Amino acid sequence: MKTYEFGNEKANIVLIQPVDDHDLEGIEKEFAAISSSCGMSVRLIAVRINNWNNDLSPWEAPAVFGKENFGSSAAKTLSELVTLCKDKGKRYFIGGYSLAGLFALWAAYQTDIFEGVAAASPSMWFPGFYDYMKKNEIKTDTVYLSLGDREEKARNPVMATVGARIREAEELLKEKGVDCVLEWNEGNHFKDADIRTAKAFAWVLNTKN
């Protein structure tokens, strides 16, 4: 597990974010945007994910784009991330973009260690995930969701369900008493991932502090 750290290592607020190489290209810009938006002393730990479709997937699912199926190693990944959250005197938040955003949301159903979830353009089209949300109880009280306004217009029929699923997720979380917001961004899934993720974390931090 390779990590990249930004900000004040002694900060009481720690952000955990699974990332890939593309995320890392904009991570410094993202952290600068988080810092300027919340005005708090924050530490960001970005964790490089080796096999995106396997290591962030809560259960197996067939390929939706390309030929690579989704694995079921999210539990193993989460167990590794939790080792970064051992200091009881600190406050931990989890977030990410795309499948990492979905993973962050799923993680909050597994453990109460995270005070909030920053799910930017999460892969809510993931087969069975909304049903999982309906059948289980989330263990955090603050969730940020976002989507690009062109994402539900994808040609792929599975991915095109993302708009309906994320609206349902917002409604469900609010019904359960979670402080949840759904923000719509301009553009498709690949636009401004760093800024969208920064907005997600900033909203959660400003809501909780």
N, C-alpha and C. Protein backbone atom coordinates (compact mmCIF):
# COMPACT_ATOMS: atom_id res chain seq x y z
N MET A 1 0.85 -1.19 0.00
CA MET A 1 0.00 0.00 0.00
C MET A 1 0.89 1.24 0.00
N LYS A 2 0.91 1.95 -1.10
CA LYS A 2 1.73 3.15 -1.21
C LYS A 2 0.87 4.37 -0.91
N THR A 3 1.36 5.23 -0.02
CA THR A 3 0.59 6.40 0.36
C THR A 3 1.34 7.68 0.01
N TYR A 4 0.56 8.74 -0.22
CA TYR A 4 1.09 10.06 -0.49
C TYR A 4 0.40 11.01 0.48
N GLU A 5 1.18 11.78 1.25
CA GLU A 5 0.58 12.61 2.28
C GLU A 5 0.76 14.09 2.00
N PHE A 6 -0.28 14.85 2.34
CA PHE A 6 -0.29 16.29 2.09
C PHE A 6 -0.82 17.00 3.33
N GLY A 7 -0.31 18.20 3.57
CA GLY A 7 -0.81 18.98 4.68
C GLY A 7 -0.05 18.73 5.97
N ASN A 8 -0.70 19.07 7.06
CA ASN A 8 -0.10 19.01 8.39
C ASN A 8 -0.22 17.61 8.97
N GLU A 9 0.91 16.93 9.15
CA GLU A 9 0.86 15.55 9.64
C GLU A 9 0.36 15.47 11.08
N LYS A 10 0.32 16.60 11.78
CA LYS A 10 -0.18 16.61 13.16
C LYS A 10 -1.63 17.07 13.25
N ALA A 11 -2.25 17.32 12.11
CA ALA A 11 -3.64 17.81 12.10
C ALA A 11 -4.58 16.77 12.70
N ASN A 12 -5.61 17.24 13.37
CA ASN A 12 -6.59 16.34 13.96
C ASN A 12 -7.59 15.81 12.94
N ILE A 13 -7.67 16.50 11.79
CA ILE A 13 -8.59 16.08 10.73
C ILE A 13 -7.78 15.35 9.65
N VAL A 14 -8.15 14.09 9.39
CA VAL A 14 -7.42 13.27 8.43
C VAL A 14 -8.38 12.79 7.34
N LEU A 15 -8.03 13.06 6.10
CA LEU A 15 -8.83 12.63 4.96
C LEU A 15 -8.16 11.41 4.32
N ILE A 16 -8.93 10.37 4.08
CA ILE A 16 -8.43 9.16 3.44
C ILE A 16 -9.04 9.08 2.04
N GLN A 17 -8.19 8.94 1.02
CA GLN A 17 -8.70 8.91 -0.36
C GLN A 17 -7.98 7.86 -1.20
N PRO A 18 -8.69 6.83 -1.66
CA PRO A 18 -8.11 5.89 -2.62
C PRO A 18 -7.92 6.60 -3.97
N VAL A 19 -6.77 6.42 -4.60
CA VAL A 19 -6.48 7.13 -5.85
C VAL A 19 -5.82 6.20 -6.87
N ASP A 20 -5.88 6.65 -8.14
CA ASP A 20 -5.11 6.02 -9.20
C ASP A 20 -4.12 7.05 -9.74
N ASP A 21 -3.42 6.70 -10.79
CA ASP A 21 -2.40 7.61 -11.33
C ASP A 21 -3.00 8.93 -11.81
N HIS A 22 -4.19 8.86 -12.41
CA HIS A 22 -4.84 10.08 -12.90
C HIS A 22 -5.18 11.01 -11.73
N ASP A 23 -5.69 10.44 -10.65
CA ASP A 23 -5.99 11.25 -9.47
C ASP A 23 -4.73 11.93 -8.94
N LEU A 24 -3.63 11.20 -8.94
CA LEU A 24 -2.39 11.73 -8.39
C LEU A 24 -1.88 12.93 -9.19
N GLU A 25 -2.21 12.98 -10.47
CA GLU A 25 -1.78 14.11 -11.29
C GLU A 25 -2.39 15.42 -10.81
N GLY A 26 -3.58 15.35 -10.22
CA GLY A 26 -4.24 16.57 -9.77
C GLY A 26 -4.37 16.68 -8.27
N ILE A 27 -3.68 15.82 -7.53
CA ILE A 27 -3.91 15.74 -6.09
C ILE A 27 -3.44 17.00 -5.35
N GLU A 28 -2.36 17.62 -5.80
CA GLU A 28 -1.89 18.84 -5.13
C GLU A 28 -2.88 19.98 -5.34
N LYS A 29 -3.42 20.08 -6.55
CA LYS A 29 -4.45 21.08 -6.83
C LYS A 29 -5.69 20.82 -5.99
N GLU A 30 -6.05 19.55 -5.87
CA GLU A 30 -7.20 19.17 -5.05
C GLU A 30 -7.00 19.59 -3.60
N PHE A 31 -5.82 19.26 -3.05
CA PHE A 31 -5.58 19.57 -1.64
C PHE A 31 -5.58 21.08 -1.40
N ALA A 32 -5.01 21.83 -2.33
CA ALA A 32 -5.00 23.29 -2.20
C ALA A 32 -6.43 23.83 -2.18
N ALA A 33 -7.29 23.25 -3.00
CA ALA A 33 -8.69 23.69 -3.06
C ALA A 33 -9.43 23.33 -1.78
N ILE A 34 -9.15 22.15 -1.23
CA ILE A 34 -9.76 21.76 0.05
C ILE A 34 -9.35 22.74 1.14
N SER A 35 -8.06 23.02 1.22
CA SER A 35 -7.53 23.89 2.27
C SER A 35 -8.12 25.29 2.20
N SER A 36 -8.22 25.82 0.99
CA SER A 36 -8.73 27.18 0.83
C SER A 36 -10.24 27.26 1.08
N SER A 37 -10.93 26.14 0.88
CA SER A 37 -12.39 26.14 1.03
C SER A 37 -12.84 25.94 2.47
N CYS A 38 -12.01 25.26 3.27
CA CYS A 38 -12.46 24.97 4.64
C CYS A 38 -11.68 25.72 5.71
N GLY A 39 -10.48 26.20 5.37
CA GLY A 39 -9.71 26.99 6.31
C GLY A 39 -9.32 26.26 7.58
N MET A 40 -9.17 24.94 7.49
CA MET A 40 -8.81 24.15 8.66
C MET A 40 -7.46 23.48 8.43
N SER A 41 -6.84 23.07 9.51
CA SER A 41 -5.61 22.28 9.42
C SER A 41 -6.00 20.85 9.09
N VAL A 42 -5.58 20.38 7.92
CA VAL A 42 -6.03 19.09 7.41
C VAL A 42 -4.85 18.27 6.91
N ARG A 43 -4.93 16.99 7.09
CA ARG A 43 -3.96 16.05 6.52
C ARG A 43 -4.69 15.14 5.54
N LEU A 44 -4.19 15.04 4.33
CA LEU A 44 -4.76 14.16 3.32
C LEU A 44 -3.81 12.99 3.08
N ILE A 45 -4.33 11.78 3.22
CA ILE A 45 -3.56 10.58 2.89
C ILE A 45 -4.18 9.94 1.65
N ALA A 46 -3.47 10.05 0.53
CA ALA A 46 -3.92 9.44 -0.72
C ALA A 46 -3.29 8.05 -0.82
N VAL A 47 -4.11 7.05 -1.05
CA VAL A 47 -3.66 5.66 -1.08
C VAL A 47 -3.75 5.13 -2.51
N ARG A 48 -2.61 4.79 -3.06
CA ARG A 48 -2.56 4.30 -4.45
C ARG A 48 -3.17 2.90 -4.53
N ILE A 49 -4.18 2.77 -5.40
CA ILE A 49 -4.87 1.49 -5.59
C ILE A 49 -4.26 0.77 -6.80
N ASN A 50 -3.83 -0.44 -6.61
CA ASN A 50 -3.14 -1.17 -7.68
C ASN A 50 -4.08 -1.70 -8.75
N ASN A 51 -5.17 -2.32 -8.33
CA ASN A 51 -6.13 -2.89 -9.28
C ASN A 51 -7.49 -2.26 -9.01
N TRP A 52 -7.79 -1.20 -9.71
CA TRP A 52 -8.97 -0.36 -9.44
C TRP A 52 -10.27 -1.17 -9.41
N ASN A 53 -10.52 -1.95 -10.47
CA ASN A 53 -11.80 -2.66 -10.58
C ASN A 53 -11.93 -3.82 -9.60
N ASN A 54 -10.84 -4.28 -9.08
CA ASN A 54 -10.88 -5.38 -8.12
C ASN A 54 -10.83 -4.86 -6.69
N ASP A 55 -9.91 -3.96 -6.42
CA ASP A 55 -9.63 -3.57 -5.04
C ASP A 55 -10.67 -2.63 -4.44
N LEU A 56 -11.49 -2.01 -5.29
CA LEU A 56 -12.51 -1.09 -4.78
C LEU A 56 -13.93 -1.65 -4.92
N SER A 57 -14.06 -2.85 -5.45
CA SER A 57 -15.38 -3.45 -5.69
C SER A 57 -15.85 -4.25 -4.49
N PRO A 58 -17.04 -3.97 -3.97
CA PRO A 58 -17.52 -4.70 -2.80
C PRO A 58 -17.91 -6.14 -3.10
N TRP A 59 -18.26 -6.41 -4.33
CA TRP A 59 -18.58 -7.78 -4.74
C TRP A 59 -18.34 -7.91 -6.24
N GLU A 60 -18.31 -9.14 -6.71
CA GLU A 60 -18.04 -9.38 -8.12
C GLU A 60 -19.20 -8.91 -9.00
N ALA A 61 -18.85 -8.39 -10.17
CA ALA A 61 -19.85 -7.94 -11.13
C ALA A 61 -19.22 -8.02 -12.52
N PRO A 62 -20.05 -8.24 -13.55
CA PRO A 62 -19.51 -8.34 -14.90
C PRO A 62 -18.99 -7.00 -15.41
N ALA A 63 -18.10 -7.05 -16.37
CA ALA A 63 -17.53 -5.85 -16.96
C ALA A 63 -18.64 -4.96 -17.53
N VAL A 64 -18.51 -3.68 -17.34
CA VAL A 64 -19.48 -2.72 -17.87
C VAL A 64 -18.86 -1.96 -19.04
N PHE A 65 -17.58 -1.72 -18.96
CA PHE A 65 -16.84 -1.12 -20.06
C PHE A 65 -15.53 -1.89 -20.18
N GLY A 66 -15.08 -2.11 -21.38
CA GLY A 66 -13.89 -2.95 -21.57
C GLY A 66 -14.19 -4.40 -21.26
N LYS A 67 -13.17 -5.16 -20.93
CA LYS A 67 -13.33 -6.59 -20.71
C LYS A 67 -13.03 -7.02 -19.28
N GLU A 68 -12.63 -6.07 -18.44
CA GLU A 68 -12.23 -6.43 -17.08
C GLU A 68 -13.43 -6.45 -16.14
N ASN A 69 -13.70 -7.61 -15.57
CA ASN A 69 -14.78 -7.75 -14.60
C ASN A 69 -14.42 -7.04 -13.30
N PHE A 70 -15.41 -6.84 -12.46
CA PHE A 70 -15.18 -6.26 -11.15
C PHE A 70 -14.96 -7.38 -10.15
N GLY A 71 -13.98 -7.18 -9.28
CA GLY A 71 -13.65 -8.20 -8.29
C GLY A 71 -14.41 -8.02 -7.01
N SER A 72 -13.83 -8.45 -5.91
CA SER A 72 -14.54 -8.37 -4.64
C SER A 72 -13.56 -8.13 -3.48
N SER A 73 -12.56 -7.28 -3.73
CA SER A 73 -11.51 -7.09 -2.72
C SER A 73 -11.66 -5.81 -1.92
N ALA A 74 -12.85 -5.18 -1.95
CA ALA A 74 -13.03 -3.94 -1.20
C ALA A 74 -12.81 -4.15 0.29
N ALA A 75 -13.26 -5.29 0.82
CA ALA A 75 -13.09 -5.54 2.26
C ALA A 75 -11.62 -5.59 2.64
N LYS A 76 -10.81 -6.20 1.80
CA LYS A 76 -9.37 -6.27 2.06
C LYS A 76 -8.75 -4.86 2.00
N THR A 77 -9.18 -4.08 1.01
CA THR A 77 -8.67 -2.71 0.89
C THR A 77 -9.05 -1.89 2.11
N LEU A 78 -10.30 -2.02 2.54
CA LEU A 78 -10.75 -1.26 3.70
C LEU A 78 -9.96 -1.63 4.95
N SER A 79 -9.68 -2.90 5.11
CA SER A 79 -8.91 -3.33 6.29
C SER A 79 -7.53 -2.69 6.30
N GLU A 80 -6.96 -2.45 5.12
CA GLU A 80 -5.66 -1.79 5.04
C GLU A 80 -5.79 -0.29 5.34
N LEU A 81 -6.87 0.32 4.84
CA LEU A 81 -7.06 1.75 5.08
C LEU A 81 -7.31 2.04 6.56
N VAL A 82 -8.00 1.14 7.22
CA VAL A 82 -8.31 1.34 8.64
C VAL A 82 -7.03 1.40 9.49
N THR A 83 -5.96 0.75 9.01
CA THR A 83 -4.70 0.81 9.76
C THR A 83 -4.12 2.23 9.78
N LEU A 84 -4.61 3.09 8.89
CA LEU A 84 -4.17 4.49 8.86
C LEU A 84 -4.95 5.34 9.84
N CYS A 85 -5.92 4.74 10.50
CA CYS A 85 -6.86 5.49 11.35
C CYS A 85 -6.81 5.03 12.80
N LYS A 86 -5.63 4.76 13.29
CA LYS A 86 -5.50 4.18 14.64
C LYS A 86 -5.46 5.21 15.76
N ASP A 87 -5.14 6.44 15.44
CA ASP A 87 -5.02 7.46 16.47
C ASP A 87 -6.42 7.92 16.90
N LYS A 88 -6.84 7.53 18.08
CA LYS A 88 -8.19 7.83 18.57
C LYS A 88 -8.41 9.32 18.79
N GLY A 89 -7.34 10.08 18.84
CA GLY A 89 -7.47 11.51 19.06
C GLY A 89 -7.74 12.30 17.79
N LYS A 90 -7.77 11.62 16.66
CA LYS A 90 -7.98 12.30 15.39
C LYS A 90 -9.35 11.96 14.80
N ARG A 91 -9.79 12.78 13.87
CA ARG A 91 -11.08 12.60 13.20
C ARG A 91 -10.82 12.20 11.75
N TYR A 92 -11.52 11.17 11.31
CA TYR A 92 -11.25 10.61 9.98
C TYR A 92 -12.46 10.74 9.05
N PHE A 93 -12.14 11.09 7.81
CA PHE A 93 -13.15 11.22 6.76
C PHE A 93 -12.64 10.45 5.54
N ILE A 94 -13.57 9.88 4.78
CA ILE A 94 -13.16 9.12 3.60
C ILE A 94 -13.87 9.66 2.36
N GLY A 95 -13.18 9.63 1.25
CA GLY A 95 -13.79 10.12 0.01
C GLY A 95 -13.01 9.65 -1.20
N GLY A 96 -13.57 9.95 -2.35
CA GLY A 96 -12.91 9.56 -3.58
C GLY A 96 -13.76 9.88 -4.78
N TYR A 97 -13.21 9.60 -5.94
CA TYR A 97 -13.87 9.91 -7.20
C TYR A 97 -14.17 8.63 -7.95
N SER A 98 -15.33 8.58 -8.60
CA SER A 98 -15.72 7.45 -9.44
C SER A 98 -15.90 6.19 -8.58
N LEU A 99 -15.25 5.10 -8.92
CA LEU A 99 -15.40 3.88 -8.13
C LEU A 99 -14.87 4.05 -6.71
N ALA A 100 -13.90 4.94 -6.55
CA ALA A 100 -13.40 5.23 -5.20
C ALA A 100 -14.46 5.95 -4.38
N GLY A 101 -15.32 6.73 -5.03
CA GLY A 101 -16.43 7.37 -4.34
C GLY A 101 -17.45 6.35 -3.88
N LEU A 102 -17.74 5.38 -4.73
CA LEU A 102 -18.64 4.29 -4.34
C LEU A 102 -18.04 3.49 -3.19
N PHE A 103 -16.76 3.20 -3.28
CA PHE A 103 -16.07 2.48 -2.21
C PHE A 103 -16.17 3.24 -0.89
N ALA A 104 -15.98 4.56 -0.93
CA ALA A 104 -16.06 5.38 0.28
C ALA A 104 -17.44 5.27 0.91
N LEU A 105 -18.47 5.31 0.07
CA LEU A 105 -19.84 5.18 0.58
C LEU A 105 -20.06 3.80 1.18
N TRP A 106 -19.61 2.77 0.49
CA TRP A 106 -19.72 1.40 0.99
C TRP A 106 -18.97 1.24 2.31
N ALA A 107 -17.80 1.86 2.42
CA ALA A 107 -16.99 1.75 3.64
C ALA A 107 -17.75 2.24 4.86
N ALA A 108 -18.59 3.26 4.66
CA ALA A 108 -19.34 3.81 5.78
C ALA A 108 -20.46 2.88 6.26
N TYR A 109 -20.73 1.85 5.50
CA TYR A 109 -21.67 0.81 5.95
C TYR A 109 -20.95 -0.28 6.73
N GLN A 110 -19.62 -0.30 6.64
CA GLN A 110 -18.83 -1.35 7.28
C GLN A 110 -18.27 -0.92 8.63
N THR A 111 -17.96 0.37 8.78
CA THR A 111 -17.30 0.84 9.99
C THR A 111 -17.79 2.24 10.34
N ASP A 112 -17.75 2.56 11.63
CA ASP A 112 -18.15 3.89 12.07
C ASP A 112 -16.94 4.79 12.32
N ILE A 113 -15.79 4.40 11.80
CA ILE A 113 -14.57 5.17 12.05
C ILE A 113 -14.55 6.49 11.29
N PHE A 114 -15.35 6.57 10.20
CA PHE A 114 -15.35 7.78 9.36
C PHE A 114 -16.53 8.68 9.73
N GLU A 115 -16.24 9.94 10.03
CA GLU A 115 -17.28 10.88 10.42
C GLU A 115 -18.11 11.36 9.24
N GLY A 116 -17.56 11.26 8.04
CA GLY A 116 -18.28 11.71 6.86
C GLY A 116 -17.72 11.09 5.60
N VAL A 117 -18.54 11.12 4.54
CA VAL A 117 -18.17 10.53 3.25
C VAL A 117 -18.26 11.59 2.16
N ALA A 118 -17.21 11.70 1.37
CA ALA A 118 -17.16 12.62 0.24
C ALA A 118 -17.13 11.80 -1.06
N ALA A 119 -18.30 11.53 -1.61
CA ALA A 119 -18.41 10.66 -2.78
C ALA A 119 -18.66 11.51 -4.02
N ALA A 120 -17.59 11.81 -4.74
CA ALA A 120 -17.67 12.65 -5.94
C ALA A 120 -17.87 11.77 -7.18
N SER A 121 -18.93 12.04 -7.91
CA SER A 121 -19.27 11.24 -9.10
C SER A 121 -19.10 9.75 -8.84
N PRO A 122 -19.68 9.23 -7.76
CA PRO A 122 -19.51 7.80 -7.44
C PRO A 122 -20.20 6.92 -8.48
N SER A 123 -19.70 5.71 -8.61
CA SER A 123 -20.24 4.76 -9.62
C SER A 123 -21.53 4.12 -9.10
N MET A 124 -22.56 4.93 -8.94
CA MET A 124 -23.81 4.45 -8.37
C MET A 124 -24.54 3.46 -9.28
N TRP A 125 -24.08 3.34 -10.50
CA TRP A 125 -24.64 2.34 -11.43
C TRP A 125 -24.17 0.93 -11.06
N PHE A 126 -23.24 0.81 -10.13
CA PHE A 126 -22.67 -0.50 -9.80
C PHE A 126 -23.79 -1.48 -9.45
N PRO A 127 -23.82 -2.64 -10.10
CA PRO A 127 -24.92 -3.59 -9.93
C PRO A 127 -25.18 -3.97 -8.48
N GLY A 128 -26.42 -3.76 -8.04
CA GLY A 128 -26.84 -4.18 -6.71
C GLY A 128 -26.53 -3.21 -5.59
N PHE A 129 -25.87 -2.09 -5.89
CA PHE A 129 -25.43 -1.24 -4.78
C PHE A 129 -26.58 -0.51 -4.10
N TYR A 130 -27.52 0.01 -4.89
CA TYR A 130 -28.64 0.71 -4.26
C TYR A 130 -29.47 -0.25 -3.42
N ASP A 131 -29.64 -1.46 -3.89
CA ASP A 131 -30.36 -2.47 -3.10
C ASP A 131 -29.63 -2.75 -1.79
N TYR A 132 -28.31 -2.76 -1.85
CA TYR A 132 -27.51 -2.95 -0.64
C TYR A 132 -27.77 -1.82 0.34
N MET A 133 -27.83 -0.60 -0.16
CA MET A 133 -28.09 0.55 0.70
C MET A 133 -29.45 0.44 1.38
N LYS A 134 -30.43 -0.06 0.67
CA LYS A 134 -31.78 -0.18 1.24
C LYS A 134 -31.83 -1.21 2.36
N LYS A 135 -30.99 -2.22 2.27
CA LYS A 135 -31.06 -3.33 3.22
C LYS A 135 -30.12 -3.18 4.41
N ASN A 136 -29.26 -2.16 4.37
CA ASN A 136 -28.26 -2.00 5.43
C ASN A 136 -28.29 -0.58 5.99
N GLU A 137 -27.65 -0.42 7.15
CA GLU A 137 -27.64 0.87 7.83
C GLU A 137 -26.25 1.51 7.74
N ILE A 138 -26.24 2.75 7.29
CA ILE A 138 -24.97 3.46 7.19
C ILE A 138 -24.53 3.92 8.58
N LYS A 139 -23.22 3.98 8.79
CA LYS A 139 -22.68 4.26 10.12
C LYS A 139 -22.03 5.63 10.22
N THR A 140 -22.43 6.52 9.33
CA THR A 140 -22.01 7.92 9.41
C THR A 140 -23.25 8.77 9.23
N ASP A 141 -23.16 10.06 9.60
CA ASP A 141 -24.34 10.91 9.49
C ASP A 141 -24.18 12.04 8.49
N THR A 142 -23.09 12.01 7.71
CA THR A 142 -22.83 13.10 6.77
C THR A 142 -22.29 12.53 5.45
N VAL A 143 -23.02 12.77 4.37
CA VAL A 143 -22.63 12.22 3.06
C VAL A 143 -22.81 13.27 1.97
N TYR A 144 -21.77 13.49 1.20
CA TYR A 144 -21.83 14.35 0.03
C TYR A 144 -21.85 13.48 -1.22
N LEU A 145 -22.79 13.77 -2.11
CA LEU A 145 -22.86 13.08 -3.40
C LEU A 145 -22.81 14.11 -4.51
N SER A 146 -22.20 13.76 -5.62
CA SER A 146 -22.23 14.66 -6.78
C SER A 146 -22.23 13.85 -8.07
N LEU A 147 -22.59 14.53 -9.14
CA LEU A 147 -22.58 13.90 -10.46
C LEU A 147 -22.45 14.99 -11.51
N GLY A 148 -21.82 14.64 -12.62
CA GLY A 148 -21.79 15.54 -13.76
C GLY A 148 -23.13 15.49 -14.48
N ASP A 149 -23.60 16.62 -15.00
CA ASP A 149 -24.94 16.64 -15.57
C ASP A 149 -25.05 15.89 -16.90
N ARG A 150 -23.92 15.42 -17.42
CA ARG A 150 -23.96 14.63 -18.65
C ARG A 150 -23.71 13.14 -18.40
N GLU A 151 -23.45 12.77 -17.15
CA GLU A 151 -23.09 11.38 -16.87
C GLU A 151 -24.23 10.40 -17.15
N GLU A 152 -25.46 10.80 -16.85
CA GLU A 152 -26.57 9.88 -17.07
C GLU A 152 -26.98 9.80 -18.54
N LYS A 153 -26.29 10.55 -19.38
CA LYS A 153 -26.54 10.50 -20.83
C LYS A 153 -25.54 9.60 -21.53
N ALA A 154 -24.83 8.80 -20.76
CA ALA A 154 -23.83 7.88 -21.33
C ALA A 154 -24.50 6.88 -22.27
N ARG A 155 -23.78 6.47 -23.29
CA ARG A 155 -24.32 5.50 -24.24
C ARG A 155 -24.44 4.11 -23.62
N ASN A 156 -23.55 3.82 -22.68
CA ASN A 156 -23.60 2.52 -22.02
C ASN A 156 -24.87 2.45 -21.16
N PRO A 157 -25.73 1.47 -21.41
CA PRO A 157 -27.03 1.41 -20.70
C PRO A 157 -26.91 1.22 -19.20
N VAL A 158 -25.88 0.51 -18.75
CA VAL A 158 -25.70 0.33 -17.30
C VAL A 158 -25.25 1.64 -16.67
N MET A 159 -24.27 2.27 -17.26
CA MET A 159 -23.75 3.53 -16.70
C MET A 159 -24.78 4.65 -16.78
N ALA A 160 -25.69 4.56 -17.73
CA ALA A 160 -26.73 5.59 -17.87
C ALA A 160 -27.72 5.57 -16.72
N THR A 161 -27.72 4.52 -15.91
CA THR A 161 -28.61 4.46 -14.75
C THR A 161 -28.10 5.28 -13.57
N VAL A 162 -26.91 5.84 -13.70
CA VAL A 162 -26.26 6.50 -12.57
C VAL A 162 -27.09 7.66 -12.01
N GLY A 163 -27.77 8.39 -12.89
CA GLY A 163 -28.57 9.52 -12.43
C GLY A 163 -29.73 9.09 -11.56
N ALA A 164 -30.47 8.08 -12.01
CA ALA A 164 -31.60 7.57 -11.23
C ALA A 164 -31.14 7.00 -9.90
N ARG A 165 -30.04 6.24 -9.93
CA ARG A 165 -29.56 5.61 -8.70
C ARG A 165 -29.08 6.64 -7.68
N ILE A 166 -28.42 7.70 -8.14
CA ILE A 166 -27.87 8.65 -7.17
C ILE A 166 -28.98 9.51 -6.58
N ARG A 167 -30.02 9.79 -7.35
CA ARG A 167 -31.18 10.51 -6.80
C ARG A 167 -31.86 9.65 -5.74
N GLU A 168 -32.01 8.37 -6.03
CA GLU A 168 -32.61 7.45 -5.07
C GLU A 168 -31.77 7.35 -3.81
N ALA A 169 -30.45 7.32 -3.99
CA ALA A 169 -29.54 7.23 -2.84
C ALA A 169 -29.67 8.46 -1.94
N GLU A 170 -29.72 9.63 -2.55
CA GLU A 170 -29.88 10.86 -1.77
C GLU A 170 -31.18 10.81 -0.97
N GLU A 171 -32.26 10.43 -1.61
CA GLU A 171 -33.56 10.37 -0.93
C GLU A 171 -33.53 9.36 0.23
N LEU A 172 -32.94 8.20 -0.04
CA LEU A 172 -32.86 7.16 0.98
C LEU A 172 -32.06 7.62 2.19
N LEU A 173 -30.91 8.22 1.95
CA LEU A 173 -30.06 8.68 3.04
C LEU A 173 -30.75 9.75 3.87
N LYS A 174 -31.44 10.66 3.20
CA LYS A 174 -32.15 11.71 3.93
C LYS A 174 -33.28 11.11 4.76
N GLU A 175 -33.96 10.10 4.24
CA GLU A 175 -35.02 9.44 4.99
C GLU A 175 -34.48 8.79 6.26
N LYS A 176 -33.22 8.38 6.21
CA LYS A 176 -32.60 7.73 7.36
C LYS A 176 -31.94 8.74 8.30
N GLY A 177 -32.14 10.02 8.05
CA GLY A 177 -31.63 11.05 8.94
C GLY A 177 -30.21 11.48 8.67
N VAL A 178 -29.65 11.08 7.55
CA VAL A 178 -28.29 11.47 7.20
C VAL A 178 -28.29 12.88 6.61
N ASP A 179 -27.35 13.70 7.02
CA ASP A 179 -27.17 15.02 6.42
C ASP A 179 -26.51 14.80 5.06
N CYS A 180 -27.30 14.88 4.02
CA CYS A 180 -26.83 14.50 2.67
C CYS A 180 -27.19 15.58 1.67
N VAL A 181 -26.28 15.82 0.74
CA VAL A 181 -26.53 16.74 -0.34
C VAL A 181 -26.13 16.07 -1.65
N LEU A 182 -26.84 16.38 -2.72
CA LEU A 182 -26.49 15.92 -4.06
C LEU A 182 -26.23 17.15 -4.91
N GLU A 183 -25.00 17.31 -5.34
CA GLU A 183 -24.63 18.48 -6.15
C GLU A 183 -24.36 18.05 -7.58
N TRP A 184 -24.91 18.84 -8.51
CA TRP A 184 -24.71 18.56 -9.93
C TRP A 184 -23.63 19.48 -10.49
N ASN A 185 -22.67 18.88 -11.17
CA ASN A 185 -21.58 19.62 -11.79
C ASN A 185 -21.77 19.62 -13.31
N GLU A 186 -21.20 20.60 -13.94
CA GLU A 186 -21.29 20.69 -15.40
C GLU A 186 -20.31 19.72 -16.04
N GLY A 187 -20.80 18.97 -17.04
CA GLY A 187 -19.90 18.13 -17.82
C GLY A 187 -20.07 16.65 -17.59
N ASN A 188 -19.23 15.89 -18.26
CA ASN A 188 -19.29 14.44 -18.16
C ASN A 188 -18.46 13.94 -16.98
N HIS A 189 -18.25 12.64 -16.94
CA HIS A 189 -17.59 12.02 -15.80
C HIS A 189 -16.12 12.41 -15.68
N PHE A 190 -15.52 12.82 -16.76
CA PHE A 190 -14.08 13.02 -16.78
C PHE A 190 -13.66 14.48 -16.62
N LYS A 191 -14.62 15.34 -16.32
CA LYS A 191 -14.29 16.76 -16.22
C LYS A 191 -14.02 17.16 -14.77
N ASP A 192 -12.87 17.78 -14.53
CA ASP A 192 -12.55 18.41 -13.24
C ASP A 192 -12.65 17.47 -12.05
N ALA A 193 -12.11 16.27 -12.19
CA ALA A 193 -12.20 15.30 -11.10
C ALA A 193 -11.55 15.83 -9.82
N ASP A 194 -10.43 16.53 -9.95
CA ASP A 194 -9.74 17.04 -8.77
C ASP A 194 -10.57 18.10 -8.05
N ILE A 195 -11.16 19.01 -8.79
CA ILE A 195 -11.96 20.07 -8.19
C ILE A 195 -13.26 19.51 -7.61
N ARG A 196 -13.87 18.55 -8.30
CA ARG A 196 -15.09 17.94 -7.77
C ARG A 196 -14.82 17.21 -6.46
N THR A 197 -13.69 16.53 -6.39
CA THR A 197 -13.35 15.82 -5.16
C THR A 197 -13.05 16.80 -4.04
N ALA A 198 -12.38 17.89 -4.37
CA ALA A 198 -12.11 18.92 -3.36
C ALA A 198 -13.41 19.51 -2.82
N LYS A 199 -14.36 19.78 -3.70
CA LYS A 199 -15.66 20.31 -3.27
C LYS A 199 -16.36 19.32 -2.34
N ALA A 200 -16.22 18.05 -2.64
CA ALA A 200 -16.85 17.01 -1.82
C ALA A 200 -16.29 17.00 -0.41
N PHE A 201 -14.98 16.96 -0.30
CA PHE A 201 -14.36 16.96 1.02
C PHE A 201 -14.65 18.26 1.77
N ALA A 202 -14.58 19.38 1.07
CA ALA A 202 -14.80 20.68 1.71
C ALA A 202 -16.21 20.77 2.29
N TRP A 203 -17.20 20.28 1.54
CA TRP A 203 -18.58 20.34 2.04
C TRP A 203 -18.72 19.51 3.31
N VAL A 204 -18.15 18.32 3.30
CA VAL A 204 -18.25 17.45 4.48
C VAL A 204 -17.57 18.11 5.68
N LEU A 205 -16.39 18.65 5.48
CA LEU A 205 -15.66 19.27 6.59
C LEU A 205 -16.39 20.50 7.12
N ASN A 206 -16.90 21.32 6.23
CA ASN A 206 -17.62 22.51 6.66
C ASN A 206 -18.94 22.17 7.34
N THR A 207 -19.54 21.07 6.94
CA THR A 207 -20.79 20.63 7.57
C THR A 207 -20.56 20.08 8.96
N LYS A 208 -19.43 19.40 9.14
CA LYS A 208 -19.14 18.75 10.42
C LYS A 208 -18.42 19.67 11.42
N ASN A 209 -18.00 20.83 10.99
CA ASN A 209 -17.21 21.70 11.87
C ASN A 209 -17.83 23.08 11.99
